[in-house]
Structure formats: C-alpha cells, structure tokens
Amino acid sequence: MIQNLLDEIPCRYINDTDKYQIVRISNIPCWFFERAVFPRTTITFKAFSDSLLEVHTGIFSSAILSDIIPCDRLRQ
C-alpha cells in the first residue's frame, strides 16, 4: 500500500536520556526515515499516523532496540 503524502502528521520526539539514539521508521513500504538524536535533544518530523518509530539506544558501535512508539502518539 502506497501512502499519500497529504496523510503525513507533524511529530516530535524527545531524547530525554544521556545516551545517543538512532530513530527509524521501517514499517512503511517504499519510505525511509532514520535520524541520529543526541542526548537531551528534540527532533521534529512528518510521518504517517500508522508509522512506528523504533528507538535504538546505545553507543555508536552497538545499539539496542529500546522502544517502539506509534507516531500518532508523537503528534504535535
């Protein structure tokens, strides 16, 4: 299923840890989103309401999947 870009919602994620994080959305076919989020910083982005934001926490060489957040919960 191809998503309509008009269906995107504004989202905000806050890394409130003291660790570096990689966030990515991987459950939407033909669409890519991945960002580095530094400790105690906020990112804003647009995503589809059925997107799932994966949060990988750790150091540069190894990170573990620490959370999966539905993007509709991150709506601004």
PDB file of N, CA and C in Angstrom:
ATOM      1  N   MET A   1       0.832  -1.172   0.000  1.00  0.00           N
ATOM      2  CA  MET A   1       0.000   0.000   0.000  1.00  0.00           C
ATOM      3  C   MET A   1       0.885   1.248   0.000  1.00  0.00           C
ATOM      4  N   ILE A   2       0.657   2.149  -0.918  1.00  0.00           N
ATOM      5  CA  ILE A   2       1.421   3.385  -1.002  1.00  0.00           C
ATOM      6  C   ILE A   2       0.676   4.474  -0.243  1.00  0.00           C
ATOM      7  N   GLN A   3       1.385   5.145   0.627  1.00  0.00           N
ATOM      8  CA  GLN A   3       0.800   6.198   1.445  1.00  0.00           C
ATOM      9  C   GLN A   3       0.693   7.495   0.652  1.00  0.00           C
ATOM     10  N   ASN A   4      -0.291   8.291   0.943  1.00  0.00           N
ATOM     11  CA  ASN A   4      -0.456   9.614   0.355  1.00  0.00           C
ATOM     12  C   ASN A   4       0.305  10.611   1.225  1.00  0.00           C
ATOM     13  N   LEU A   5       1.187  11.398   0.608  1.00  0.00           N
ATOM     14  CA  LEU A   5       1.981  12.352   1.380  1.00  0.00           C
ATOM     15  C   LEU A   5       1.119  13.369   2.121  1.00  0.00           C
ATOM     16  N   LEU A   6      -0.115  13.575   1.662  1.00  0.00           N
ATOM     17  CA  LEU A   6      -1.010  14.502   2.358  1.00  0.00           C
ATOM     18  C   LEU A   6      -1.490  13.940   3.695  1.00  0.00           C
ATOM     19  N   ASP A   7      -1.288  12.637   3.903  1.00  0.00           N
ATOM     20  CA  ASP A   7      -1.706  11.998   5.154  1.00  0.00           C
ATOM     21  C   ASP A   7      -0.647  12.094   6.249  1.00  0.00           C
ATOM     22  N   GLU A   8       0.458  12.760   5.984  1.00  0.00           N
ATOM     23  CA  GLU A   8       1.512  12.870   6.983  1.00  0.00           C
ATOM     24  C   GLU A   8       1.086  13.794   8.124  1.00  0.00           C
ATOM     25  N   ILE A   9       1.546  13.455   9.327  1.00  0.00           N
ATOM     26  CA  ILE A   9       1.248  14.265  10.506  1.00  0.00           C
ATOM     27  C   ILE A   9       2.557  14.806  11.085  1.00  0.00           C
ATOM     28  N   PRO A  10       2.555  16.005  11.665  1.00  0.00           N
ATOM     29  CA  PRO A  10       3.765  16.524  12.309  1.00  0.00           C
ATOM     30  C   PRO A  10       3.994  15.800  13.641  1.00  0.00           C
ATOM     31  N   CYS A  11       5.243  15.391  13.864  1.00  0.00           N
ATOM     32  CA  CYS A  11       5.579  14.627  15.078  1.00  0.00           C
ATOM     33  C   CYS A  11       6.791  15.251  15.763  1.00  0.00           C
ATOM     34  N   ARG A  12       6.903  14.958  17.059  1.00  0.00           N
ATOM     35  CA  ARG A  12       8.050  15.415  17.839  1.00  0.00           C
ATOM     36  C   ARG A  12       8.496  14.278  18.752  1.00  0.00           C
ATOM     37  N   TYR A  13       9.817  14.024  18.758  1.00  0.00           N
ATOM     38  CA  TYR A  13      10.389  13.019  19.648  1.00  0.00           C
ATOM     39  C   TYR A  13      11.476  13.695  20.477  1.00  0.00           C
ATOM     40  N   ILE A  14      11.491  13.417  21.779  1.00  0.00           N
ATOM     41  CA  ILE A  14      12.486  13.977  22.694  1.00  0.00           C
ATOM     42  C   ILE A  14      13.337  12.846  23.249  1.00  0.00           C
ATOM     43  N   ASN A  15      14.634  12.945  23.047  1.00  0.00           N
ATOM     44  CA  ASN A  15      15.566  12.003  23.657  1.00  0.00           C
ATOM     45  C   ASN A  15      15.909  12.553  25.035  1.00  0.00           C
ATOM     46  N   ASP A  16      15.226  12.068  26.048  1.00  0.00           N
ATOM     47  CA  ASP A  16      15.451  12.582  27.400  1.00  0.00           C
ATOM     48  C   ASP A  16      16.452  11.736  28.182  1.00  0.00           C
ATOM     49  N   THR A  17      17.276  10.979  27.453  1.00  0.00           N
ATOM     50  CA  THR A  17      18.314  10.174  28.101  1.00  0.00           C
ATOM     51  C   THR A  17      19.658  10.869  27.962  1.00  0.00           C
ATOM     52  N   ASP A  18      20.680  10.274  28.562  1.00  0.00           N
ATOM     53  CA  ASP A  18      22.037  10.790  28.400  1.00  0.00           C
ATOM     54  C   ASP A  18      22.813   9.964  27.373  1.00  0.00           C
ATOM     55  N   LYS A  19      22.083   9.194  26.554  1.00  0.00           N
ATOM     56  CA  LYS A  19      22.683   8.332  25.538  1.00  0.00           C
ATOM     57  C   LYS A  19      22.309   8.809  24.142  1.00  0.00           C
ATOM     58  N   TYR A  20      23.163   8.522  23.194  1.00  0.00           N
ATOM     59  CA  TYR A  20      22.929   8.745  21.783  1.00  0.00           C
ATOM     60  C   TYR A  20      21.848   7.766  21.310  1.00  0.00           C
ATOM     61  N   GLN A  21      20.954   8.201  20.426  1.00  0.00           N
ATOM     62  CA  GLN A  21      19.912   7.310  19.912  1.00  0.00           C
ATOM     63  C   GLN A  21      19.826   7.408  18.391  1.00  0.00           C
ATOM     64  N   ILE A  22      19.429   6.314  17.789  1.00  0.00           N
ATOM     65  CA  ILE A  22      19.069   6.271  16.378  1.00  0.00           C
ATOM     66  C   ILE A  22      17.575   5.979  16.346  1.00  0.00           C
ATOM     67  N   VAL A  23      16.824   6.808  15.639  1.00  0.00           N
ATOM     68  CA  VAL A  23      15.391   6.553  15.488  1.00  0.00           C
ATOM     69  C   VAL A  23      15.129   6.264  14.022  1.00  0.00           C
ATOM     70  N   ARG A  24      14.209   5.324  13.768  1.00  0.00           N
ATOM     71  CA  ARG A  24      13.889   4.982  12.388  1.00  0.00           C
ATOM     72  C   ARG A  24      12.459   4.499  12.279  1.00  0.00           C
ATOM     73  N   ILE A  25      11.913   4.685  11.103  1.00  0.00           N
ATOM     74  CA  ILE A  25      10.599   4.142  10.777  1.00  0.00           C
ATOM     75  C   ILE A  25      10.821   3.112   9.685  1.00  0.00           C
ATOM     76  N   SER A  26      10.431   1.875   9.942  1.00  0.00           N
ATOM     77  CA  SER A  26      10.708   0.812   8.976  1.00  0.00           C
ATOM     78  C   SER A  26       9.463   0.037   8.565  1.00  0.00           C
ATOM     79  N   ASN A  27       8.302   0.401   9.081  1.00  0.00           N
ATOM     80  CA  ASN A  27       7.109  -0.391   8.767  1.00  0.00           C
ATOM     81  C   ASN A  27       6.302   0.160   7.586  1.00  0.00           C
ATOM     82  N   ILE A  28       6.780   1.204   6.924  1.00  0.00           N
ATOM     83  CA  ILE A  28       6.077   1.774   5.777  1.00  0.00           C
ATOM     84  C   ILE A  28       6.858   1.416   4.505  1.00  0.00           C
ATOM     85  N   PRO A  29       6.262   0.639   3.609  1.00  0.00           N
ATOM     86  CA  PRO A  29       6.964   0.245   2.376  1.00  0.00           C
ATOM     87  C   PRO A  29       7.296   1.464   1.510  1.00  0.00           C
ATOM     88  N   CYS A  30       8.437   1.401   0.850  1.00  0.00           N
ATOM     89  CA  CYS A  30       8.888   2.444  -0.090  1.00  0.00           C
ATOM     90  C   CYS A  30       9.044   3.808   0.572  1.00  0.00           C
ATOM     91  N   TRP A  31       9.341   3.832   1.863  1.00  0.00           N
ATOM     92  CA  TRP A  31       9.512   5.090   2.583  1.00  0.00           C
ATOM     93  C   TRP A  31      10.617   4.885   3.600  1.00  0.00           C
ATOM     94  N   PHE A  32      11.522   5.855   3.715  1.00  0.00           N
ATOM     95  CA  PHE A  32      12.672   5.701   4.603  1.00  0.00           C
ATOM     96  C   PHE A  32      12.801   6.909   5.517  1.00  0.00           C
ATOM     97  N   PHE A  33      13.021   6.644   6.792  1.00  0.00           N
ATOM     98  CA  PHE A  33      13.289   7.697   7.766  1.00  0.00           C
ATOM     99  C   PHE A  33      14.232   7.138   8.817  1.00  0.00           C
ATOM    100  N   GLU A  34      15.373   7.792   8.997  1.00  0.00           N
ATOM    101  CA  GLU A  34      16.322   7.410  10.046  1.00  0.00           C
ATOM    102  C   GLU A  34      17.107   8.649  10.424  1.00  0.00           C
ATOM    103  N   ARG A  35      17.227   8.894  11.723  1.00  0.00           N
ATOM    104  CA  ARG A  35      17.937  10.074  12.219  1.00  0.00           C
ATOM    105  C   ARG A  35      18.714   9.718  13.486  1.00  0.00           C
ATOM    106  N   ALA A  36      19.806  10.444  13.682  1.00  0.00           N
ATOM    107  CA  ALA A  36      20.555  10.379  14.935  1.00  0.00           C
ATOM    108  C   ALA A  36      19.980  11.445  15.855  1.00  0.00           C
ATOM    109  N   VAL A  37      19.784  11.083  17.118  1.00  0.00           N
ATOM    110  CA  VAL A  37      19.248  12.029  18.102  1.00  0.00           C
ATOM    111  C   VAL A  37      20.219  12.056  19.285  1.00  0.00           C
ATOM    112  N   PHE A  38      20.792  13.208  19.492  1.00  0.00           N
ATOM    113  CA  PHE A  38      21.766  13.355  20.571  1.00  0.00           C
ATOM    114  C   PHE A  38      21.063  13.467  21.922  1.00  0.00           C
ATOM    115  N   PRO A  39      21.784  13.187  23.005  1.00  0.00           N
ATOM    116  CA  PRO A  39      21.177  13.253  24.337  1.00  0.00           C
ATOM    117  C   PRO A  39      20.536  14.603  24.622  1.00  0.00           C
ATOM    118  N   ARG A  40      19.372  14.544  25.249  1.00  0.00           N
ATOM    119  CA  ARG A  40      18.635  15.731  25.689  1.00  0.00           C
ATOM    120  C   ARG A  40      18.264  16.683  24.542  1.00  0.00           C
ATOM    121  N   THR A  41      18.009  16.127  23.356  1.00  0.00           N
ATOM    122  CA  THR A  41      17.594  16.957  22.229  1.00  0.00           C
ATOM    123  C   THR A  41      16.244  16.490  21.697  1.00  0.00           C
ATOM    124  N   THR A  42      15.641  17.343  20.881  1.00  0.00           N
ATOM    125  CA  THR A  42      14.324  17.088  20.306  1.00  0.00           C
ATOM    126  C   THR A  42      14.430  17.110  18.791  1.00  0.00           C
ATOM    127  N   ILE A  43      13.704  16.216  18.133  1.00  0.00           N
ATOM    128  CA  ILE A  43      13.601  16.283  16.679  1.00  0.00           C
ATOM    129  C   ILE A  43      12.131  16.400  16.307  1.00  0.00           C
ATOM    130  N   THR A  44      11.891  17.075  15.210  1.00  0.00           N
ATOM    131  CA  THR A  44      10.546  17.144  14.653  1.00  0.00           C
ATOM    132  C   THR A  44      10.610  16.550  13.249  1.00  0.00           C
ATOM    133  N   PHE A  45       9.528  15.922  12.845  1.00  0.00           N
ATOM    134  CA  PHE A  45       9.480  15.258  11.545  1.00  0.00           C
ATOM    135  C   PHE A  45       8.035  15.025  11.169  1.00  0.00           C
ATOM    136  N   LYS A  46       7.818  14.634   9.933  1.00  0.00           N
ATOM    137  CA  LYS A  46       6.487  14.253   9.484  1.00  0.00           C
ATOM    138  C   LYS A  46       6.471  12.759   9.220  1.00  0.00           C
ATOM    139  N   ALA A  47       5.377  12.123   9.599  1.00  0.00           N
ATOM    140  CA  ALA A  47       5.228  10.683   9.404  1.00  0.00           C
ATOM    141  C   ALA A  47       3.752  10.370   9.208  1.00  0.00           C
ATOM    142  N   PHE A  48       3.484   9.156   8.823  1.00  0.00           N
ATOM    143  CA  PHE A  48       2.101   8.710   8.680  1.00  0.00           C
ATOM    144  C   PHE A  48       1.596   8.244  10.039  1.00  0.00           C
ATOM    145  N   SER A  49       0.315   8.390  10.292  1.00  0.00           N
ATOM    146  CA  SER A  49      -0.228   8.068  11.613  1.00  0.00           C
ATOM    147  C   SER A  49      -0.047   6.594  11.974  1.00  0.00           C
ATOM    148  N   ASP A  50       0.054   5.705  10.973  1.00  0.00           N
ATOM    149  CA  ASP A  50       0.257   4.290  11.270  1.00  0.00           C
ATOM    150  C   ASP A  50       1.739   3.893  11.306  1.00  0.00           C
ATOM    151  N   SER A  51       2.636   4.877  11.222  1.00  0.00           N
ATOM    152  CA  SER A  51       4.074   4.610  11.315  1.00  0.00           C
ATOM    153  C   SER A  51       4.458   4.246  12.740  1.00  0.00           C
ATOM    154  N   LEU A  52       5.509   3.449  12.846  1.00  0.00           N
ATOM    155  CA  LEU A  52       6.067   3.075  14.145  1.00  0.00           C
ATOM    156  C   LEU A  52       7.503   3.575  14.215  1.00  0.00           C
ATOM    157  N   LEU A  53       7.803   4.372  15.222  1.00  0.00           N
ATOM    158  CA  LEU A  53       9.150   4.892  15.410  1.00  0.00           C
ATOM    159  C   LEU A  53       9.934   3.926  16.295  1.00  0.00           C
ATOM    160  N   GLU A  54      10.996   3.340  15.732  1.00  0.00           N
ATOM    161  CA  GLU A  54      11.887   2.476  16.504  1.00  0.00           C
ATOM    162  C   GLU A  54      12.965   3.350  17.130  1.00  0.00           C
ATOM    163  N   VAL A  55      13.223   3.154  18.403  1.00  0.00           N
ATOM    164  CA  VAL A  55      14.252   3.914  19.108  1.00  0.00           C
ATOM    165  C   VAL A  55      15.352   2.942  19.512  1.00  0.00           C
ATOM    166  N   HIS A  56      16.543   3.168  18.969  1.00  0.00           N
ATOM    167  CA  HIS A  56      17.709   2.343  19.269  1.00  0.00           C
ATOM    168  C   HIS A  56      18.659   3.173  20.125  1.00  0.00           C
ATOM    169  N   THR A  57      18.971   2.676  21.311  1.00  0.00           N
ATOM    170  CA  THR A  57      19.782   3.425  22.268  1.00  0.00           C
ATOM    171  C   THR A  57      21.102   2.711  22.502  1.00  0.00           C
ATOM    172  N   GLY A  58      22.153   3.484  22.651  1.00  0.00           N
ATOM    173  CA  GLY A  58      23.436   2.889  22.981  1.00  0.00           C
ATOM    174  C   GLY A  58      24.585   3.739  22.521  1.00  0.00           C
ATOM    175  N   ILE A  59      25.719   3.080  22.313  1.00  0.00           N
ATOM    176  CA  ILE A  59      26.902   3.776  21.832  1.00  0.00           C
ATOM    177  C   ILE A  59      26.987   3.595  20.317  1.00  0.00           C
ATOM    178  N   PHE A  60      27.900   4.309  19.676  1.00  0.00           N
ATOM    179  CA  PHE A  60      27.985   4.313  18.220  1.00  0.00           C
ATOM    180  C   PHE A  60      28.127   2.915  17.615  1.00  0.00           C
ATOM    181  N   SER A  61      28.928   2.071  18.217  1.00  0.00           N
ATOM    182  CA  SER A  61      29.200   0.768  17.612  1.00  0.00           C
ATOM    183  C   SER A  61      28.128  -0.282  17.882  1.00  0.00           C
ATOM    184  N   SER A  62      27.324  -0.081  18.913  1.00  0.00           N
ATOM    185  CA  SER A  62      26.261  -1.045  19.182  1.00  0.00           C
ATOM    186  C   SER A  62      25.091  -0.340  19.854  1.00  0.00           C
ATOM    187  N   ALA A  63      23.915  -0.609  19.336  1.00  0.00           N
ATOM    188  CA  ALA A  63      22.705  -0.004  19.902  1.00  0.00           C
ATOM    189  C   ALA A  63      21.635  -1.082  19.977  1.00  0.00           C
ATOM    190  N   ILE A  64      20.816  -1.013  21.014  1.00  0.00           N
ATOM    191  CA  ILE A  64      19.740  -1.985  21.164  1.00  0.00           C
ATOM    192  C   ILE A  64      18.398  -1.301  20.949  1.00  0.00           C
ATOM    193  N   LEU A  65      17.459  -2.050  20.414  1.00  0.00           N
ATOM    194  CA  LEU A  65      16.108  -1.534  20.242  1.00  0.00           C
ATOM    195  C   LEU A  65      15.505  -1.375  21.623  1.00  0.00           C
ATOM    196  N   SER A  66      15.243  -0.131  22.016  1.00  0.00           N
ATOM    197  CA  SER A  66      14.763   0.104  23.371  1.00  0.00           C
ATOM    198  C   SER A  66      13.289   0.473  23.432  1.00  0.00           C
ATOM    199  N   ASP A  67      12.690   0.859  22.293  1.00  0.00           N
ATOM    200  CA  ASP A  67      11.274   1.232  22.309  1.00  0.00           C
ATOM    201  C   ASP A  67      10.733   1.268  20.890  1.00  0.00           C
ATOM    202  N   ILE A  68       9.446   1.055  20.754  1.00  0.00           N
ATOM    203  CA  ILE A  68       8.722   1.249  19.505  1.00  0.00           C
ATOM    204  C   ILE A  68       7.504   2.092  19.852  1.00  0.00           C
ATOM    205  N   ILE A  69       7.404   3.266  19.219  1.00  0.00           N
ATOM    206  CA  ILE A  69       6.363   4.224  19.571  1.00  0.00           C
ATOM    207  C   ILE A  69       5.485   4.492  18.343  1.00  0.00           C
ATOM    208  N   PRO A  70       4.176   4.303  18.451  1.00  0.00           N
ATOM    209  CA  PRO A  70       3.295   4.677  17.340  1.00  0.00           C
ATOM    210  C   PRO A  70       3.383   6.191  17.107  1.00  0.00           C
ATOM    211  N   CYS A  71       3.556   6.592  15.861  1.00  0.00           N
ATOM    212  CA  CYS A  71       3.742   8.018  15.563  1.00  0.00           C
ATOM    213  C   CYS A  71       2.511   8.854  15.884  1.00  0.00           C
ATOM    214  N   ASP A  72       1.347   8.247  15.918  1.00  0.00           N
ATOM    215  CA  ASP A  72       0.183   9.055  16.290  1.00  0.00           C
ATOM    216  C   ASP A  72       0.254   9.518  17.746  1.00  0.00           C
ATOM    217  N   ARG A  73       1.094   8.864  18.572  1.00  0.00           N
ATOM    218  CA  ARG A  73       1.326   9.319  19.950  1.00  0.00           C
ATOM    219  C   ARG A  73       2.338  10.452  20.021  1.00  0.00           C
ATOM    220  N   LEU A  74       3.067  10.689  18.918  1.00  0.00           N
ATOM    221  CA  LEU A  74       4.076  11.739  18.877  1.00  0.00           C
ATOM    222  C   LEU A  74       3.582  12.989  18.162  1.00  0.00           C
ATOM    223  N   ARG A  75       2.309  12.979  17.820  1.00  0.00           N
ATOM    224  CA  ARG A  75       1.721  14.109  17.088  1.00  0.00           C
ATOM    225  C   ARG A  75       1.891  15.396  17.880  1.00  0.00           C
ATOM    226  N   GLN A  76       2.270  16.464  17.186  1.00  0.00           N
ATOM    227  CA  GLN A  76       2.438  17.776  17.827  1.00  0.00           C
ATOM    228  C   GLN A  76       1.111  18.467  17.960  1.00  0.00           C
TER     229      GLN A  76
END
